[in-house]
Amino acid sequence: MGQLDKDITIYGQENYDWQLLNWSSVIDELFKHYQLEGIMSYTMADYMKEYRQNFLQDLSVEERLAELPSDVVLQRFSPDQRLHGLSPDDIEAYLSKLKSQQSH
């Protein structure tokens, strides 16, 4: 990073009046990246992607799955994976239910 880039970054950090309070944490994170790694090609899209990944890591599996429709989740699994852990009685009961629904 050149001296001019450092000077501009420091000036911006010291003189920005944080009028957009909801963006202050975003700007703060960008300044941290600049201080650690120097001026680089780090875009708002890069920040948002990194933020979402970090946010998702903080969520429990239940919290992540709660936001997804069950059919979207189930599409990711084979029939064998879907049936794994079910008893033969549970599978038979479900098949009977499907058969009775089809006959109506």
N, C-alpha and C. Protein backbone atom coordinates (compact mmCIF):
# COMPACT_ATOMS: atom_id res chain seq x y z
N MET A 1 0.86 -1.16 0.00
CA MET A 1 0.00 0.00 0.00
C MET A 1 0.91 1.22 0.00
N GLY A 2 0.61 2.17 -0.87
CA GLY A 2 1.41 3.38 -0.93
C GLY A 2 1.06 4.33 0.20
N GLN A 3 1.96 5.28 0.44
CA GLN A 3 1.74 6.24 1.52
C GLN A 3 0.48 7.05 1.30
N LEU A 4 0.22 7.42 0.04
CA LEU A 4 -0.98 8.21 -0.27
C LEU A 4 -2.24 7.42 0.09
N ASP A 5 -2.26 6.13 -0.27
CA ASP A 5 -3.41 5.30 0.07
C ASP A 5 -3.60 5.23 1.58
N LYS A 6 -2.52 5.07 2.32
CA LYS A 6 -2.61 5.03 3.78
C LYS A 6 -3.14 6.35 4.32
N ASP A 7 -2.60 7.45 3.78
CA ASP A 7 -3.04 8.76 4.25
C ASP A 7 -4.53 8.98 3.98
N ILE A 8 -4.99 8.59 2.80
CA ILE A 8 -6.41 8.76 2.46
C ILE A 8 -7.28 7.90 3.37
N THR A 9 -6.87 6.67 3.60
CA THR A 9 -7.63 5.77 4.47
C THR A 9 -7.70 6.32 5.90
N ILE A 10 -6.58 6.75 6.41
CA ILE A 10 -6.55 7.30 7.77
C ILE A 10 -7.39 8.57 7.85
N TYR A 11 -7.25 9.44 6.84
CA TYR A 11 -8.05 10.67 6.82
C TYR A 11 -9.54 10.34 6.83
N GLY A 12 -9.95 9.40 5.97
CA GLY A 12 -11.36 9.02 5.91
C GLY A 12 -11.85 8.46 7.23
N GLN A 13 -11.03 7.62 7.84
CA GLN A 13 -11.41 7.00 9.11
C GLN A 13 -11.54 8.05 10.21
N GLU A 14 -10.65 8.99 10.24
CA GLU A 14 -10.67 10.01 11.29
C GLU A 14 -11.72 11.08 11.08
N ASN A 15 -12.14 11.31 9.81
CA ASN A 15 -13.02 12.45 9.53
C ASN A 15 -14.43 12.07 9.10
N TYR A 16 -14.69 10.82 8.88
CA TYR A 16 -16.05 10.42 8.50
C TYR A 16 -16.96 10.62 9.70
N ASP A 17 -18.10 11.28 9.52
CA ASP A 17 -18.94 11.61 10.67
C ASP A 17 -20.03 10.58 10.96
N TRP A 18 -19.98 9.42 10.29
CA TRP A 18 -20.87 8.31 10.59
C TRP A 18 -22.35 8.71 10.55
N GLN A 19 -22.71 9.46 9.51
CA GLN A 19 -24.11 9.88 9.36
C GLN A 19 -25.03 8.70 9.09
N LEU A 20 -24.53 7.70 8.43
CA LEU A 20 -25.34 6.52 8.12
C LEU A 20 -25.08 5.47 9.19
N LEU A 21 -25.74 5.58 10.31
CA LEU A 21 -25.45 4.71 11.44
C LEU A 21 -25.61 3.23 11.12
N ASN A 22 -26.60 2.88 10.30
CA ASN A 22 -26.79 1.47 9.98
C ASN A 22 -25.67 0.94 9.08
N TRP A 23 -24.89 1.79 8.48
CA TRP A 23 -23.76 1.35 7.67
C TRP A 23 -22.45 1.45 8.44
N SER A 24 -22.47 2.01 9.63
CA SER A 24 -21.21 2.23 10.35
C SER A 24 -20.47 0.93 10.61
N SER A 25 -21.19 -0.16 10.92
CA SER A 25 -20.50 -1.43 11.18
C SER A 25 -19.88 -1.98 9.90
N VAL A 26 -20.55 -1.75 8.77
CA VAL A 26 -20.00 -2.20 7.49
C VAL A 26 -18.72 -1.42 7.20
N ILE A 27 -18.77 -0.12 7.36
CA ILE A 27 -17.60 0.72 7.09
C ILE A 27 -16.47 0.37 8.06
N ASP A 28 -16.82 0.11 9.31
CA ASP A 28 -15.82 -0.27 10.30
C ASP A 28 -15.12 -1.56 9.89
N GLU A 29 -15.89 -2.53 9.41
CA GLU A 29 -15.29 -3.80 8.96
C GLU A 29 -14.36 -3.57 7.76
N LEU A 30 -14.77 -2.70 6.84
CA LEU A 30 -13.93 -2.41 5.69
C LEU A 30 -12.62 -1.76 6.13
N PHE A 31 -12.69 -0.82 7.08
CA PHE A 31 -11.47 -0.20 7.59
C PHE A 31 -10.56 -1.24 8.22
N LYS A 32 -11.13 -2.19 8.95
CA LYS A 32 -10.31 -3.24 9.56
C LYS A 32 -9.57 -4.03 8.49
N HIS A 33 -10.27 -4.36 7.39
CA HIS A 33 -9.62 -5.09 6.29
C HIS A 33 -8.49 -4.26 5.70
N TYR A 34 -8.74 -2.98 5.50
CA TYR A 34 -7.71 -2.12 4.93
C TYR A 34 -6.50 -2.02 5.85
N GLN A 35 -6.74 -1.93 7.13
CA GLN A 35 -5.63 -1.82 8.07
C GLN A 35 -4.82 -3.12 8.14
N LEU A 36 -5.50 -4.24 8.07
CA LEU A 36 -4.80 -5.52 8.18
C LEU A 36 -4.11 -5.93 6.89
N GLU A 37 -4.78 -5.68 5.77
CA GLU A 37 -4.29 -6.23 4.52
C GLU A 37 -3.90 -5.16 3.51
N GLY A 38 -4.13 -3.92 3.81
CA GLY A 38 -3.82 -2.86 2.87
C GLY A 38 -4.95 -2.64 1.89
N ILE A 39 -4.86 -1.59 1.12
CA ILE A 39 -5.88 -1.29 0.11
C ILE A 39 -5.89 -2.44 -0.89
N MET A 40 -7.05 -2.95 -1.14
CA MET A 40 -7.16 -4.10 -2.04
C MET A 40 -8.49 -4.04 -2.76
N SER A 41 -8.70 -4.97 -3.60
CA SER A 41 -9.95 -5.06 -4.34
C SER A 41 -10.98 -5.81 -3.51
N TYR A 42 -11.50 -5.16 -2.50
CA TYR A 42 -12.48 -5.76 -1.59
C TYR A 42 -13.76 -4.96 -1.75
N THR A 43 -14.74 -5.55 -2.40
CA THR A 43 -15.95 -4.83 -2.76
C THR A 43 -17.04 -5.02 -1.70
N MET A 44 -18.10 -4.26 -1.85
CA MET A 44 -19.25 -4.42 -0.97
C MET A 44 -19.84 -5.82 -1.14
N ALA A 45 -19.83 -6.33 -2.36
CA ALA A 45 -20.32 -7.70 -2.60
C ALA A 45 -19.47 -8.71 -1.84
N ASP A 46 -18.15 -8.51 -1.84
CA ASP A 46 -17.26 -9.39 -1.08
C ASP A 46 -17.60 -9.33 0.40
N TYR A 47 -17.82 -8.11 0.91
CA TYR A 47 -18.15 -7.95 2.31
C TYR A 47 -19.45 -8.66 2.65
N MET A 48 -20.49 -8.46 1.82
CA MET A 48 -21.79 -9.06 2.09
C MET A 48 -21.70 -10.59 2.07
N LYS A 49 -20.94 -11.14 1.13
CA LYS A 49 -20.76 -12.60 1.07
C LYS A 49 -20.09 -13.10 2.34
N GLU A 50 -19.03 -12.43 2.75
CA GLU A 50 -18.31 -12.83 3.96
C GLU A 50 -19.20 -12.68 5.20
N TYR A 51 -19.97 -11.59 5.24
CA TYR A 51 -20.87 -11.35 6.37
C TYR A 51 -21.92 -12.46 6.47
N ARG A 52 -22.52 -12.83 5.33
CA ARG A 52 -23.54 -13.89 5.34
C ARG A 52 -22.94 -15.21 5.80
N GLN A 53 -21.74 -15.52 5.32
CA GLN A 53 -21.10 -16.78 5.73
C GLN A 53 -20.84 -16.79 7.24
N ASN A 54 -20.34 -15.68 7.76
CA ASN A 54 -20.09 -15.60 9.20
C ASN A 54 -21.40 -15.67 9.98
N PHE A 55 -22.42 -15.01 9.48
CA PHE A 55 -23.72 -15.01 10.14
C PHE A 55 -24.30 -16.42 10.17
N LEU A 56 -24.21 -17.13 9.04
CA LEU A 56 -24.74 -18.50 8.98
C LEU A 56 -24.03 -19.42 9.95
N GLN A 57 -22.73 -19.22 10.12
CA GLN A 57 -21.98 -20.07 11.05
C GLN A 57 -22.46 -19.90 12.48
N ASP A 58 -23.02 -18.74 12.79
CA ASP A 58 -23.51 -18.49 14.14
C ASP A 58 -24.89 -19.08 14.39
N LEU A 59 -25.59 -19.47 13.32
CA LEU A 59 -26.93 -20.04 13.47
C LEU A 59 -26.85 -21.53 13.73
N SER A 60 -27.80 -22.03 14.50
CA SER A 60 -27.88 -23.47 14.72
C SER A 60 -28.46 -24.12 13.45
N VAL A 61 -28.32 -25.42 13.36
CA VAL A 61 -28.88 -26.15 12.22
C VAL A 61 -30.39 -25.93 12.17
N GLU A 62 -31.03 -25.96 13.32
CA GLU A 62 -32.49 -25.76 13.38
C GLU A 62 -32.88 -24.39 12.85
N GLU A 63 -32.10 -23.36 13.22
CA GLU A 63 -32.39 -22.01 12.74
C GLU A 63 -32.21 -21.89 11.23
N ARG A 64 -31.19 -22.54 10.69
CA ARG A 64 -30.98 -22.51 9.24
C ARG A 64 -32.11 -23.23 8.50
N LEU A 65 -32.45 -24.43 9.00
CA LEU A 65 -33.47 -25.23 8.33
C LEU A 65 -34.86 -24.61 8.43
N ALA A 66 -35.12 -23.88 9.50
CA ALA A 66 -36.44 -23.28 9.70
C ALA A 66 -36.79 -22.31 8.57
N GLU A 67 -35.80 -21.76 7.91
CA GLU A 67 -36.03 -20.79 6.84
C GLU A 67 -36.23 -21.44 5.48
N LEU A 68 -36.04 -22.76 5.40
CA LEU A 68 -36.13 -23.46 4.11
C LEU A 68 -37.38 -24.31 4.04
N PRO A 69 -38.06 -24.30 2.88
CA PRO A 69 -39.20 -25.21 2.71
C PRO A 69 -38.71 -26.66 2.74
N SER A 70 -39.52 -27.55 3.31
CA SER A 70 -39.09 -28.95 3.45
C SER A 70 -38.80 -29.60 2.10
N ASP A 71 -39.56 -29.25 1.06
CA ASP A 71 -39.30 -29.87 -0.25
C ASP A 71 -37.92 -29.48 -0.79
N VAL A 72 -37.45 -28.29 -0.50
CA VAL A 72 -36.11 -27.87 -0.92
C VAL A 72 -35.06 -28.69 -0.19
N VAL A 73 -35.25 -28.90 1.09
CA VAL A 73 -34.31 -29.69 1.88
C VAL A 73 -34.31 -31.14 1.40
N LEU A 74 -35.49 -31.71 1.22
CA LEU A 74 -35.60 -33.12 0.84
C LEU A 74 -35.01 -33.42 -0.53
N GLN A 75 -35.03 -32.46 -1.43
CA GLN A 75 -34.46 -32.67 -2.77
C GLN A 75 -32.97 -32.98 -2.71
N ARG A 76 -32.33 -32.60 -1.65
CA ARG A 76 -30.88 -32.82 -1.51
C ARG A 76 -30.53 -34.24 -1.09
N PHE A 77 -31.54 -35.06 -0.78
CA PHE A 77 -31.30 -36.41 -0.27
C PHE A 77 -31.90 -37.45 -1.19
N SER A 78 -31.22 -38.60 -1.27
CA SER A 78 -31.73 -39.73 -2.05
C SER A 78 -32.87 -40.39 -1.28
N PRO A 79 -33.69 -41.22 -1.96
CA PRO A 79 -34.73 -41.95 -1.22
C PRO A 79 -34.17 -42.79 -0.07
N ASP A 80 -33.03 -43.43 -0.27
CA ASP A 80 -32.42 -44.21 0.81
C ASP A 80 -32.10 -43.32 2.01
N GLN A 81 -31.56 -42.13 1.74
CA GLN A 81 -31.22 -41.22 2.83
C GLN A 81 -32.49 -40.72 3.54
N ARG A 82 -33.55 -40.52 2.78
CA ARG A 82 -34.81 -40.05 3.38
C ARG A 82 -35.41 -41.11 4.30
N LEU A 83 -35.28 -42.37 3.93
CA LEU A 83 -35.88 -43.45 4.71
C LEU A 83 -35.00 -43.95 5.86
N HIS A 84 -33.73 -43.60 5.81
CA HIS A 84 -32.80 -44.06 6.84
C HIS A 84 -33.29 -43.64 8.23
N GLY A 85 -33.31 -44.59 9.12
CA GLY A 85 -33.72 -44.31 10.50
C GLY A 85 -35.20 -44.54 10.76
N LEU A 86 -35.99 -44.72 9.69
CA LEU A 86 -37.41 -45.02 9.89
C LEU A 86 -37.58 -46.52 10.08
N SER A 87 -38.51 -46.89 10.91
CA SER A 87 -38.77 -48.32 11.13
C SER A 87 -39.57 -48.85 9.95
N PRO A 88 -39.50 -50.17 9.70
CA PRO A 88 -40.33 -50.76 8.65
C PRO A 88 -41.82 -50.47 8.88
N ASP A 89 -42.25 -50.43 10.12
CA ASP A 89 -43.65 -50.13 10.41
C ASP A 89 -44.01 -48.71 9.98
N ASP A 90 -43.13 -47.76 10.24
CA ASP A 90 -43.37 -46.37 9.82
C ASP A 90 -43.45 -46.27 8.30
N ILE A 91 -42.55 -46.99 7.61
CA ILE A 91 -42.54 -46.96 6.15
C ILE A 91 -43.82 -47.59 5.61
N GLU A 92 -44.20 -48.73 6.16
CA GLU A 92 -45.45 -49.40 5.73
C GLU A 92 -46.66 -48.52 5.98
N ALA A 93 -46.71 -47.86 7.13
CA ALA A 93 -47.83 -46.98 7.44
C ALA A 93 -47.92 -45.83 6.43
N TYR A 94 -46.78 -45.28 6.07
CA TYR A 94 -46.78 -44.19 5.10
C TYR A 94 -47.21 -44.69 3.71
N LEU A 95 -46.72 -45.86 3.33
CA LEU A 95 -47.12 -46.43 2.03
C LEU A 95 -48.63 -46.72 2.00
N SER A 96 -49.15 -47.23 3.09
CA SER A 96 -50.61 -47.48 3.17
C SER A 96 -51.38 -46.18 3.03
N LYS A 97 -50.91 -45.15 3.67
CA LYS A 97 -51.55 -43.84 3.58
C LYS A 97 -51.53 -43.33 2.14
N LEU A 98 -50.40 -43.46 1.47
CA LEU A 98 -50.30 -43.02 0.08
C LEU A 98 -51.24 -43.81 -0.82
N LYS A 99 -51.29 -45.13 -0.61
CA LYS A 99 -52.16 -45.98 -1.41
C LYS A 99 -53.64 -45.62 -1.22
N SER A 100 -54.02 -45.33 0.01
CA SER A 100 -55.42 -44.97 0.27
C SER A 100 -55.75 -43.62 -0.34
N GLN A 101 -54.80 -42.70 -0.35
CA GLN A 101 -55.02 -41.39 -0.97
C GLN A 101 -55.17 -41.51 -2.48
N GLN A 102 -54.41 -42.42 -3.08
CA GLN A 102 -54.46 -42.59 -4.53
C GLN A 102 -55.77 -43.26 -4.98
N SER A 103 -56.34 -44.09 -4.11
CA SER A 103 -57.57 -44.80 -4.48
C SER A 103 -58.80 -43.89 -4.35
N HIS A 104 -58.70 -42.78 -3.70
CA HIS A 104 -59.84 -41.87 -3.53
C HIS A 104 -59.96 -40.92 -4.65
